[in-house]
PDB file of N, CA and C in Angstrom:
ATOM      1  N   MET A   1     129.537 131.099  59.148  1.00  0.00           N
ATOM      2  CA  MET A   1     128.244 130.802  59.303  1.00  0.00           C
ATOM      3  C   MET A   1     128.156 129.272  59.662  1.00  0.00           C
ATOM      4  N   SER A   2     128.950 128.403  58.955  1.00  0.00           N
ATOM      5  CA  SER A   2     128.805 127.077  58.964  1.00  0.00           C
ATOM      6  C   SER A   2     129.074 126.489  60.518  1.00  0.00           C
ATOM      7  N   LYS A   3     130.071 127.474  61.136  1.00  0.00           N
ATOM      8  CA  LYS A   3     130.481 127.124  62.569  1.00  0.00           C
ATOM      9  C   LYS A   3     129.469 127.336  63.393  1.00  0.00           C
ATOM     10  N   LYS A   4     128.667 128.499  63.239  1.00  0.00           N
ATOM     11  CA  LYS A   4     127.527 128.979  64.103  1.00  0.00           C
ATOM     12  C   LYS A   4     126.486 127.861  64.011  1.00  0.00           C
ATOM     13  N   LEU A   5     126.225 127.195  62.829  1.00  0.00           N
ATOM     14  CA  LEU A   5     125.168 126.293  62.680  1.00  0.00           C
ATOM     15  C   LEU A   5     125.408 125.126  63.422  1.00  0.00           C
ATOM     16  N   MET A   6     126.733 124.862  63.212  1.00  0.00           N
ATOM     17  CA  MET A   6     127.252 123.518  63.964  1.00  0.00           C
ATOM     18  C   MET A   6     127.177 123.702  65.576  1.00  0.00           C
ATOM     19  N   MET A   7     127.293 124.913  65.947  1.00  0.00           N
ATOM     20  CA  MET A   7     127.345 125.049  67.456  1.00  0.00           C
ATOM     21  C   MET A   7     125.787 125.044  67.931  1.00  0.00           C
ATOM     22  N   LEU A   8     124.950 125.662  67.097  1.00  0.00           N
ATOM     23  CA  LEU A   8     123.529 125.688  67.499  1.00  0.00           C
ATOM     24  C   LEU A   8     122.947 124.352  67.402  1.00  0.00           C
ATOM     25  N   ALA A   9     123.431 123.476  66.315  1.00  0.00           N
ATOM     26  CA  ALA A   9     122.914 122.137  66.363  1.00  0.00           C
ATOM     27  C   ALA A   9     123.421 121.363  67.623  1.00  0.00           C
ATOM     28  N   ALA A  10     124.688 121.412  68.040  1.00  0.00           N
ATOM     29  CA  ALA A  10     125.246 120.743  69.181  1.00  0.00           C
ATOM     30  C   ALA A  10     124.424 121.100  70.537  1.00  0.00           C
ATOM     31  N   VAL A  11     124.183 122.534  70.691  1.00  0.00           N
ATOM     32  CA  VAL A  11     123.488 122.815  71.732  1.00  0.00           C
ATOM     33  C   VAL A  11     122.155 122.488  71.763  1.00  0.00           C
ATOM     34  N   MET A  12     121.404 122.254  70.623  1.00  0.00           N
ATOM     35  CA  MET A  12     120.029 121.586  70.656  1.00  0.00           C
ATOM     36  C   MET A  12     120.051 120.215  70.825  1.00  0.00           C
ATOM     37  N   LEU A  13     121.118 119.435  70.374  1.00  0.00           N
ATOM     38  CA  LEU A  13     120.960 118.030  70.782  1.00  0.00           C
ATOM     39  C   LEU A  13     121.214 117.807  72.171  1.00  0.00           C
ATOM     40  N   VAL A  14     122.257 118.606  72.832  1.00  0.00           N
ATOM     41  CA  VAL A  14     122.428 118.309  74.246  1.00  0.00           C
ATOM     42  C   VAL A  14     121.227 118.775  74.989  1.00  0.00           C
ATOM     43  N   PHE A  15     120.463 119.773  74.782  1.00  0.00           N
ATOM     44  CA  PHE A  15     119.284 119.975  75.583  1.00  0.00           C
ATOM     45  C   PHE A  15     118.196 119.098  75.213  1.00  0.00           C
ATOM     46  N   GLY A  16     118.152 118.759  74.037  1.00  0.00           N
ATOM     47  CA  GLY A  16     117.162 117.488  73.627  1.00  0.00           C
ATOM     48  C   GLY A  16     117.314 116.295  74.498  1.00  0.00           C
ATOM     49  N   CYS A  17     118.569 116.009  74.461  1.00  0.00           N
ATOM     50  CA  CYS A  17     118.715 114.702  75.319  1.00  0.00           C
ATOM     51  C   CYS A  17     118.520 114.864  76.666  1.00  0.00           C
ATOM     52  N   LEU A  18     118.845 116.214  77.477  1.00  0.00           N
ATOM     53  CA  LEU A  18     118.539 116.497  78.791  1.00  0.00           C
ATOM     54  C   LEU A  18     117.046 116.436  79.004  1.00  0.00           C
ATOM     55  N   SER A  19     116.063 116.633  78.081  1.00  0.00           N
ATOM     56  CA  SER A  19     114.669 116.654  78.340  1.00  0.00           C
ATOM     57  C   SER A  19     114.116 115.377  78.695  1.00  0.00           C
ATOM     58  N   TRP A  20     114.723 114.306  78.273  1.00  0.00           N
ATOM     59  CA  TRP A  20     114.460 112.932  78.581  1.00  0.00           C
ATOM     60  C   TRP A  20     114.839 112.468  79.794  1.00  0.00           C
ATOM     61  N   ALA A  21     115.713 113.298  80.546  1.00  0.00           N
ATOM     62  CA  ALA A  21     116.116 112.744  81.820  1.00  0.00           C
ATOM     63  C   ALA A  21     114.897 113.260  82.905  1.00  0.00           C
ATOM     64  N   LYS A  22     114.772 112.489  83.678  1.00  0.00           N
ATOM     65  CA  LYS A  22     113.844 113.003  84.619  1.00  0.00           C
ATOM     66  C   LYS A  22     113.856 112.227  86.011  1.00  0.00           C
ATOM     67  N   THR A  23     113.169 112.583  87.109  1.00  0.00           N
ATOM     68  CA  THR A  23     113.122 111.788  88.248  1.00  0.00           C
ATOM     69  C   THR A  23     111.667 111.525  88.504  1.00  0.00           C
ATOM     70  N   ILE A  24     111.565 110.258  88.864  1.00  0.00           N
ATOM     71  CA  ILE A  24     109.968 109.744  89.157  1.00  0.00           C
ATOM     72  C   ILE A  24     110.080 109.161  90.335  1.00  0.00           C
ATOM     73  N   THR A  25     109.034 109.557  91.179  1.00  0.00           N
ATOM     74  CA  THR A  25     108.666 108.979  92.344  1.00  0.00           C
ATOM     75  C   THR A  25     107.512 108.090  92.185  1.00  0.00           C
ATOM     76  N   GLY A  26     107.776 106.633  92.652  1.00  0.00           N
ATOM     77  CA  GLY A  26     106.659 105.674  92.431  1.00  0.00           C
ATOM     78  C   GLY A  26     107.036 104.672  93.368  1.00  0.00           C
ATOM     79  N   VAL A  27     106.382 103.572  93.378  1.00  0.00           N
ATOM     80  CA  VAL A  27     106.432 102.332  94.188  1.00  0.00           C
ATOM     81  C   VAL A  27     107.043 101.238  93.247  1.00  0.00           C
ATOM     82  N   VAL A  28     107.896 100.415  93.812  1.00  0.00           N
ATOM     83  CA  VAL A  28     108.580  99.423  93.141  1.00  0.00           C
ATOM     84  C   VAL A  28     107.662  98.010  93.120  1.00  0.00           C
ATOM     85  N   SER A  29     106.967  97.659  91.831  1.00  0.00           N
ATOM     86  CA  SER A  29     106.144  96.504  92.073  1.00  0.00           C
ATOM     87  C   SER A  29     106.658  95.456  90.985  1.00  0.00           C
ATOM     88  N   ASP A  30     105.796  94.624  90.512  1.00  0.00           N
ATOM     89  CA  ASP A  30     106.423  93.730  89.706  1.00  0.00           C
ATOM     90  C   ASP A  30     105.555  93.424  88.372  1.00  0.00           C
ATOM     91  N   SER A  31     106.052  92.934  87.386  1.00  0.00           N
ATOM     92  CA  SER A  31     105.461  92.777  86.072  1.00  0.00           C
ATOM     93  C   SER A  31     104.133  92.068  86.082  1.00  0.00           C
ATOM     94  N   MET A  32     103.940  91.052  86.915  1.00  0.00           N
ATOM     95  CA  MET A  32     102.547  90.424  87.004  1.00  0.00           C
ATOM     96  C   MET A  32     101.524  91.248  87.669  1.00  0.00           C
ATOM     97  N   CYS A  33     101.832  91.935  88.684  1.00  0.00           N
ATOM     98  CA  CYS A  33     100.852  92.699  89.470  1.00  0.00           C
ATOM     99  C   CYS A  33     100.864  94.193  89.004  1.00  0.00           C
ATOM    100  N   GLY A  34     101.723  94.697  88.366  1.00  0.00           N
ATOM    101  CA  GLY A  34     101.881  96.096  87.804  1.00  0.00           C
ATOM    102  C   GLY A  34     101.315  97.091  88.879  1.00  0.00           C
ATOM    103  N   ALA A  35     100.125  97.749  88.356  1.00  0.00           N
ATOM    104  CA  ALA A  35      99.777  98.873  89.109  1.00  0.00           C
ATOM    105  C   ALA A  35      98.938  98.411  90.299  1.00  0.00           C
ATOM    106  N   LYS A  36      98.729  97.368  90.415  1.00  0.00           N
ATOM    107  CA  LYS A  36      98.062  96.767  91.662  1.00  0.00           C
ATOM    108  C   LYS A  36      98.618  97.252  92.965  1.00  0.00           C
ATOM    109  N   HIS A  37     100.238  97.419  92.816  1.00  0.00           N
ATOM    110  CA  HIS A  37     100.888  97.741  93.974  1.00  0.00           C
ATOM    111  C   HIS A  37     101.335  99.353  93.788  1.00  0.00           C
ATOM    112  N   ALA A  38     100.335 100.108  93.538  1.00  0.00           N
ATOM    113  CA  ALA A  38     100.609 101.569  93.331  1.00  0.00           C
ATOM    114  C   ALA A  38     100.984 102.293  94.803  1.00  0.00           C
ATOM    115  N   THR A  39     100.567 101.633  95.671  1.00  0.00           N
ATOM    116  CA  THR A  39     100.833 102.018  97.307  1.00  0.00           C
ATOM    117  C   THR A  39     101.680 101.225  97.864  1.00  0.00           C
ATOM    118  N   ALA A  40     102.758 101.800  98.437  1.00  0.00           N
ATOM    119  CA  ALA A  40     103.715 100.962  99.187  1.00  0.00           C
ATOM    120  C   ALA A  40     103.038 100.478 100.525  1.00  0.00           C
ATOM    121  N   SER A  41     103.535  99.206 100.972  1.00  0.00           N
ATOM    122  CA  SER A  41     102.927  98.488 102.175  1.00  0.00           C
ATOM    123  C   SER A  41     103.668  97.389 102.219  1.00  0.00           C
ATOM    124  N   ASP A  42     103.581  96.805 103.591  1.00  0.00           N
ATOM    125  CA  ASP A  42     104.339  95.373 103.764  1.00  0.00           C
ATOM    126  C   ASP A  42     103.602  94.436 103.020  1.00  0.00           C
ATOM    127  N   ASP A  43     102.358  94.515 102.748  1.00  0.00           N
ATOM    128  CA  ASP A  43     101.766  93.283 102.104  1.00  0.00           C
ATOM    129  C   ASP A  43     102.135  93.431 100.395  1.00  0.00           C
ATOM    130  N   ALA A  44     102.236  94.586  99.861  1.00  0.00           N
ATOM    131  CA  ALA A  44     102.913  94.879  98.670  1.00  0.00           C
ATOM    132  C   ALA A  44     104.370  94.241  98.474  1.00  0.00           C
ATOM    133  N   ALA A  45     105.082  94.525  99.515  1.00  0.00           N
ATOM    134  CA  ALA A  45     106.445  94.262  99.650  1.00  0.00           C
ATOM    135  C   ALA A  45     106.532  92.625  99.394  1.00  0.00           C
ATOM    136  N   ALA A  46     105.785  92.070 100.262  1.00  0.00           N
ATOM    137  CA  ALA A  46     105.678  90.368 100.382  1.00  0.00           C
ATOM    138  C   ALA A  46     105.313  89.965  98.999  1.00  0.00           C
ATOM    139  N   CYS A  47     104.225  90.349  98.323  1.00  0.00           N
ATOM    140  CA  CYS A  47     103.789  89.933  97.174  1.00  0.00           C
ATOM    141  C   CYS A  47     104.732  90.212  95.994  1.00  0.00           C
ATOM    142  N   VAL A  48     105.391  91.428  95.846  1.00  0.00           N
ATOM    143  CA  VAL A  48     106.520  91.689  95.014  1.00  0.00           C
ATOM    144  C   VAL A  48     107.556  90.759  95.052  1.00  0.00           C
ATOM    145  N   LYS A  49     108.078  90.465  96.333  1.00  0.00           N
ATOM    146  CA  LYS A  49     109.199  89.697  96.375  1.00  0.00           C
ATOM    147  C   LYS A  49     108.904  88.293  95.805  1.00  0.00           C
ATOM    148  N   LYS A  50     107.704  87.948  96.241  1.00  0.00           N
ATOM    149  CA  LYS A  50     107.266  86.521  95.820  1.00  0.00           C
ATOM    150  C   LYS A  50     107.030  86.329  94.357  1.00  0.00           C
ATOM    151  N   CYS A  51     106.475  87.323  93.744  1.00  0.00           N
ATOM    152  CA  CYS A  51     106.445  87.385  92.217  1.00  0.00           C
ATOM    153  C   CYS A  51     107.767  87.372  91.576  1.00  0.00           C
ATOM    154  N   ALA A  52     108.755  88.317  92.146  1.00  0.00           N
ATOM    155  CA  ALA A  52     109.919  88.492  91.385  1.00  0.00           C
ATOM    156  C   ALA A  52     110.719  87.052  91.481  1.00  0.00           C
ATOM    157  N   ASP A  53     110.747  86.414  92.647  1.00  0.00           N
ATOM    158  CA  ASP A  53     111.238  85.097  92.960  1.00  0.00           C
ATOM    159  C   ASP A  53     110.690  84.202  92.009  1.00  0.00           C
ATOM    160  N   GLY A  54     109.554  84.311  91.553  1.00  0.00           N
ATOM    161  CA  GLY A  54     108.831  83.422  90.452  1.00  0.00           C
ATOM    162  C   GLY A  54     109.206  83.801  89.160  1.00  0.00           C
ATOM    163  N   GLY A  55     109.927  84.879  88.981  1.00  0.00           N
ATOM    164  CA  GLY A  55     110.324  85.331  87.458  1.00  0.00           C
ATOM    165  C   GLY A  55     109.890  86.343  86.865  1.00  0.00           C
ATOM    166  N   ALA A  56     108.997  87.068  87.839  1.00  0.00           N
ATOM    167  CA  ALA A  56     108.470  88.457  87.360  1.00  0.00           C
ATOM    168  C   ALA A  56     109.441  89.536  87.419  1.00  0.00           C
ATOM    169  N   LYS A  57     109.416  90.580  86.325  1.00  0.00           N
ATOM    170  CA  LYS A  57     110.465  91.645  86.599  1.00  0.00           C
ATOM    171  C   LYS A  57     109.949  92.606  87.469  1.00  0.00           C
ATOM    172  N   LEU A  58     110.888  93.291  87.930  1.00  0.00           N
ATOM    173  CA  LEU A  58     110.575  94.537  89.014  1.00  0.00           C
ATOM    174  C   LEU A  58     110.234  95.655  87.864  1.00  0.00           C
ATOM    175  N   VAL A  59     109.301  96.499  88.268  1.00  0.00           N
ATOM    176  CA  VAL A  59     108.795  97.668  87.638  1.00  0.00           C
ATOM    177  C   VAL A  59     108.533  98.852  88.524  1.00  0.00           C
ATOM    178  N   VAL A  60     108.482 100.118  88.071  1.00  0.00           N
ATOM    179  CA  VAL A  60     108.090 101.246  88.849  1.00  0.00           C
ATOM    180  C   VAL A  60     106.851 101.721  88.500  1.00  0.00           C
ATOM    181  N   VAL A  61     105.971 101.990  89.435  1.00  0.00           N
ATOM    182  CA  VAL A  61     104.498 102.474  89.199  1.00  0.00           C
ATOM    183  C   VAL A  61     104.686 103.841  89.667  1.00  0.00           C
ATOM    184  N   SER A  62     104.347 104.759  88.763  1.00  0.00           N
ATOM    185  CA  SER A  62     103.984 106.155  88.953  1.00  0.00           C
ATOM    186  C   SER A  62     102.978 106.918  88.216  1.00  0.00           C
ATOM    187  N   GLY A  63     102.098 107.311  89.151  1.00  0.00           N
ATOM    188  CA  GLY A  63     101.020 108.216  88.495  1.00  0.00           C
ATOM    189  C   GLY A  63     100.143 107.161  87.389  1.00  0.00           C
ATOM    190  N   GLY A  64     100.017 106.003  88.085  1.00  0.00           N
ATOM    191  CA  GLY A  64      98.944 105.117  87.100  1.00  0.00           C
ATOM    192  C   GLY A  64      99.834 104.525  86.125  1.00  0.00           C
ATOM    193  N   LYS A  65     101.119 104.690  85.755  1.00  0.00           N
ATOM    194  CA  LYS A  65     101.564 104.243  84.852  1.00  0.00           C
ATOM    195  C   LYS A  65     102.880 103.319  85.135  1.00  0.00           C
ATOM    196  N   VAL A  66     103.094 102.216  84.616  1.00  0.00           N
ATOM    197  CA  VAL A  66     103.927 101.152  84.654  1.00  0.00           C
ATOM    198  C   VAL A  66     104.956 101.435  84.000  1.00  0.00           C
ATOM    199  N   TYR A  67     106.390 101.557  84.635  1.00  0.00           N
ATOM    200  CA  TYR A  67     107.536 101.662  83.792  1.00  0.00           C
ATOM    201  C   TYR A  67     108.409 100.411  83.995  1.00  0.00           C
ATOM    202  N   THR A  68     108.772  99.981  82.534  1.00  0.00           N
ATOM    203  CA  THR A  68     109.502  98.704  82.881  1.00  0.00           C
ATOM    204  C   THR A  68     111.228  99.236  82.790  1.00  0.00           C
ATOM    205  N   THR A  69     111.943  98.200  83.263  1.00  0.00           N
ATOM    206  CA  THR A  69     113.325  98.451  83.153  1.00  0.00           C
ATOM    207  C   THR A  69     114.200  97.226  83.066  1.00  0.00           C
ATOM    208  N   ASP A  70     115.406  97.183  82.509  1.00  0.00           N
ATOM    209  CA  ASP A  70     116.258  96.203  82.409  1.00  0.00           C
ATOM    210  C   ASP A  70     117.241  96.308  83.717  1.00  0.00           C
ATOM    211  N   ASP A  71     117.131  97.475  84.400  1.00  0.00           N
ATOM    212  CA  ASP A  71     118.014  97.700  85.461  1.00  0.00           C
ATOM    213  C   ASP A  71     117.477  96.797  86.814  1.00  0.00           C
ATOM    214  N   GLN A  72     117.344  95.713  86.887  1.00  0.00           N
ATOM    215  CA  GLN A  72     116.708  94.826  87.971  1.00  0.00           C
ATOM    216  C   GLN A  72     117.598  95.050  89.309  1.00  0.00           C
ATOM    217  N   ASP A  73     118.775  94.956  89.062  1.00  0.00           N
ATOM    218  CA  ASP A  73     119.648  95.070  90.358  1.00  0.00           C
ATOM    219  C   ASP A  73     119.557  96.357  91.109  1.00  0.00           C
ATOM    220  N   LYS A  74     119.107  97.418  90.458  1.00  0.00           N
ATOM    221  CA  LYS A  74     119.081  98.526  91.111  1.00  0.00           C
ATOM    222  C   LYS A  74     117.822  98.769  91.828  1.00  0.00           C
ATOM    223  N   LEU A  75     116.737  97.971  91.391  1.00  0.00           N
ATOM    224  CA  LEU A  75     115.540  97.830  92.076  1.00  0.00           C
ATOM    225  C   LEU A  75     115.588  96.885  93.384  1.00  0.00           C
ATOM    226  N   LYS A  76     116.377  96.171  93.362  1.00  0.00           N
ATOM    227  CA  LYS A  76     116.353  95.022  94.437  1.00  0.00           C
ATOM    228  C   LYS A  76     116.496  95.587  95.889  1.00  0.00           C
ATOM    229  N   GLY A  77     115.695  95.297  96.764  1.00  0.00           N
ATOM    230  CA  GLY A  77     115.949  95.845  98.041  1.00  0.00           C
ATOM    231  C   GLY A  77     114.742  96.985  98.257  1.00  0.00           C
ATOM    232  N   PHE A  78     114.274  97.081  97.405  1.00  0.00           N
ATOM    233  CA  PHE A  78     113.033  98.286  97.367  1.00  0.00           C
ATOM    234  C   PHE A  78     111.729  97.703  96.939  1.00  0.00           C
ATOM    235  N   GLU A  79     111.550  96.463  96.883  1.00  0.00           N
ATOM    236  CA  GLU A  79     110.242  95.760  96.392  1.00  0.00           C
ATOM    237  C   GLU A  79     109.068  96.513  97.475  1.00  0.00           C
ATOM    238  N   GLY A  80     107.906  96.860  96.802  1.00  0.00           N
ATOM    239  CA  GLY A  80     106.953  97.285  97.656  1.00  0.00           C
ATOM    240  C   GLY A  80     107.175  98.466  98.217  1.00  0.00           C
ATOM    241  N   LYS A  81     108.065  99.317  98.031  1.00  0.00           N
ATOM    242  CA  LYS A  81     108.486 100.488  98.768  1.00  0.00           C
ATOM    243  C   LYS A  81     108.386 101.760  97.738  1.00  0.00           C
ATOM    244  N   GLU A  82     108.208 102.842  98.261  1.00  0.00           N
ATOM    245  CA  GLU A  82     108.211 104.170  97.435  1.00  0.00           C
ATOM    246  C   GLU A  82     109.635 104.683  97.344  1.00  0.00           C
ATOM    247  N   VAL A  83     109.929 104.890  96.047  1.00  0.00           N
ATOM    248  CA  VAL A  83     111.257 105.278  95.528  1.00  0.00           C
ATOM    249  C   VAL A  83     111.267 106.370  94.624  1.00  0.00           C
ATOM    250  N   LYS A  84     112.415 107.239  94.611  1.00  0.00           N
ATOM    251  CA  LYS A  84     112.700 108.126  93.692  1.00  0.00           C
ATOM    252  C   LYS A  84     113.843 107.780  92.938  1.00  0.00           C
ATOM    253  N   VAL A  85     113.315 107.774  91.523  1.00  0.00           N
ATOM    254  CA  VAL A  85     114.054 107.041  90.507  1.00  0.00           C
ATOM    255  C   VAL A  85     114.627 108.284  89.611  1.00  0.00           C
ATOM    256  N   SER A  86     115.895 108.172  89.432  1.00  0.00           N
ATOM    257  CA  SER A  86     116.365 109.204  88.273  1.00  0.00           C
ATOM    258  C   SER A  86     116.778 108.370  87.166  1.00  0.00           C
ATOM    259  N   GLY A  87     116.772 108.812  85.910  1.00  0.00           N
ATOM    260  CA  GLY A  87     117.103 108.213  84.617  1.00  0.00           C
ATOM    261  C   GLY A  87     116.412 108.798  83.497  1.00  0.00           C
ATOM    262  N   THR A  88     116.383 108.081  82.391  1.00  0.00           N
ATOM    263  CA  THR A  88     115.912 108.590  81.306  1.00  0.00           C
ATOM    264  C   THR A  88     114.610 107.631  80.958  1.00  0.00           C
ATOM    265  N   VAL A  89     113.614 108.280  80.292  1.00  0.00           N
ATOM    266  CA  VAL A  89     112.399 107.522  79.904  1.00  0.00           C
ATOM    267  C   VAL A  89     112.037 107.637  78.521  1.00  0.00           C
ATOM    268  N   LYS A  90     111.887 106.494  77.987  1.00  0.00           N
ATOM    269  CA  LYS A  90     111.398 106.461  76.720  1.00  0.00           C
ATOM    270  C   LYS A  90     110.244 105.734  76.455  1.00  0.00           C
ATOM    271  N   GLY A  91     108.966 106.495  76.256  1.00  0.00           N
ATOM    272  CA  GLY A  91     107.802 105.702  76.487  1.00  0.00           C
ATOM    273  C   GLY A  91     107.397 105.059  77.897  1.00  0.00           C
ATOM    274  N   ASP A  92     107.354 103.852  78.084  1.00  0.00           N
ATOM    275  CA  ASP A  92     107.182 103.150  79.192  1.00  0.00           C
ATOM    276  C   ASP A  92     108.533 102.570  79.664  1.00  0.00           C
ATOM    277  N   ALA A  93     109.629 102.911  79.021  1.00  0.00           N
ATOM    278  CA  ALA A  93     110.743 102.148  79.356  1.00  0.00           C
ATOM    279  C   ALA A  93     111.664 103.196  80.288  1.00  0.00           C
ATOM    280  N   LEU A  94     112.271 102.675  81.228  1.00  0.00           N
ATOM    281  CA  LEU A  94     113.009 103.437  82.120  1.00  0.00           C
ATOM    282  C   LEU A  94     114.556 102.955  82.186  1.00  0.00           C
ATOM    283  N   THR A  95     115.377 103.751  81.966  1.00  0.00           N
ATOM    284  CA  THR A  95     116.757 103.406  82.079  1.00  0.00           C
ATOM    285  C   THR A  95     117.310 104.108  83.441  1.00  0.00           C
ATOM    286  N   ILE A  96     117.471 103.474  84.461  1.00  0.00           N
ATOM    287  CA  ILE A  96     117.817 104.081  85.693  1.00  0.00           C
ATOM    288  C   ILE A  96     119.307 104.295  86.006  1.00  0.00           C
ATOM    289  N   THR A  97     119.300 105.760  86.493  1.00  0.00           N
ATOM    290  CA  THR A  97     120.632 106.306  86.906  1.00  0.00           C
ATOM    291  C   THR A  97     120.632 105.993  88.222  1.00  0.00           C
ATOM    292  N   SER A  98     120.011 106.298  89.058  1.00  0.00           N
ATOM    293  CA  SER A  98     119.962 106.197  90.467  1.00  0.00           C
ATOM    294  C   SER A  98     118.721 105.972  91.224  1.00  0.00           C
ATOM    295  N   VAL A  99     118.619 105.071  92.261  1.00  0.00           N
ATOM    296  CA  VAL A  99     117.326 104.891  93.060  1.00  0.00           C
ATOM    297  C   VAL A  99     117.700 105.247  94.489  1.00  0.00           C
ATOM    298  N   ALA A 100     116.580 105.856  95.145  1.00  0.00           N
ATOM    299  CA  ALA A 100     116.789 106.006  96.498  1.00  0.00           C
ATOM    300  C   ALA A 100     115.495 105.909  97.153  1.00  0.00           C
ATOM    301  N   ALA A 101     115.351 105.579  98.634  1.00  0.00           N
ATOM    302  CA  ALA A 101     113.997 105.616  99.148  1.00  0.00           C
ATOM    303  C   ALA A 101     113.465 107.093  99.126  1.00  0.00           C
ATOM    304  N   ALA A 102     112.232 107.076  98.808  1.00  0.00           N
ATOM    305  CA  ALA A 102     111.462 108.383  98.821  1.00  0.00           C
ATOM    306  C   ALA A 102     111.288 108.802 100.213  1.00  0.00           C
ATOM    307  N   GLU A 103     111.353 110.081 100.400  1.00  0.00           N
ATOM    308  CA  GLU A 103     111.132 110.803 101.872  1.00  0.00           C
ATOM    309  C   GLU A 103     109.591 110.515 102.266  1.00  0.00           C
ATOM    310  N   SER A 104     109.616 110.199 103.476  1.00  0.00           N
ATOM    311  CA  SER A 104     108.099 109.888 104.201  1.00  0.00           C
ATOM    312  C   SER A 104     107.399 111.177 104.126  1.00  0.00           C
ATOM    313  N   LYS A 105     106.079 110.977 103.887  1.00  0.00           N
ATOM    314  CA  LYS A 105     105.209 112.162 103.585  1.00  0.00           C
ATOM    315  C   LYS A 105     104.520 112.494 104.984  1.00  0.00           C
ATOM    316  N   MET A 106     104.982 111.995 106.132  1.00  0.00           N
ATOM    317  CA  MET A 106     104.493 112.326 107.345  1.00  0.00           C
ATOM    318  C   MET A 106     104.635 113.729 108.097  1.00  0.00           C
TER     319      MET A 106
END
């Protein structure tokens, strides 16, 4: 009986952890402008790069929510662009597993 309970607990733990993993499609912005750059554009890219060079952190804006992350290097090169980010979300904090350019909606 004890062995079955341990296996059940292990399975629940694994599936519980997997529920935090998700893929978010959004735009890479900066901590100063936040949701102002919710739409990808050349103007957004220029502004985000300028703010990031000035010390602002890169963030991901999706569905009106701003996700912060410590994985700054993974977002570099995507400033002001729409991306698909895989990782774990806890509140508004995002731990990034992978980042790729989002497919064009054309």
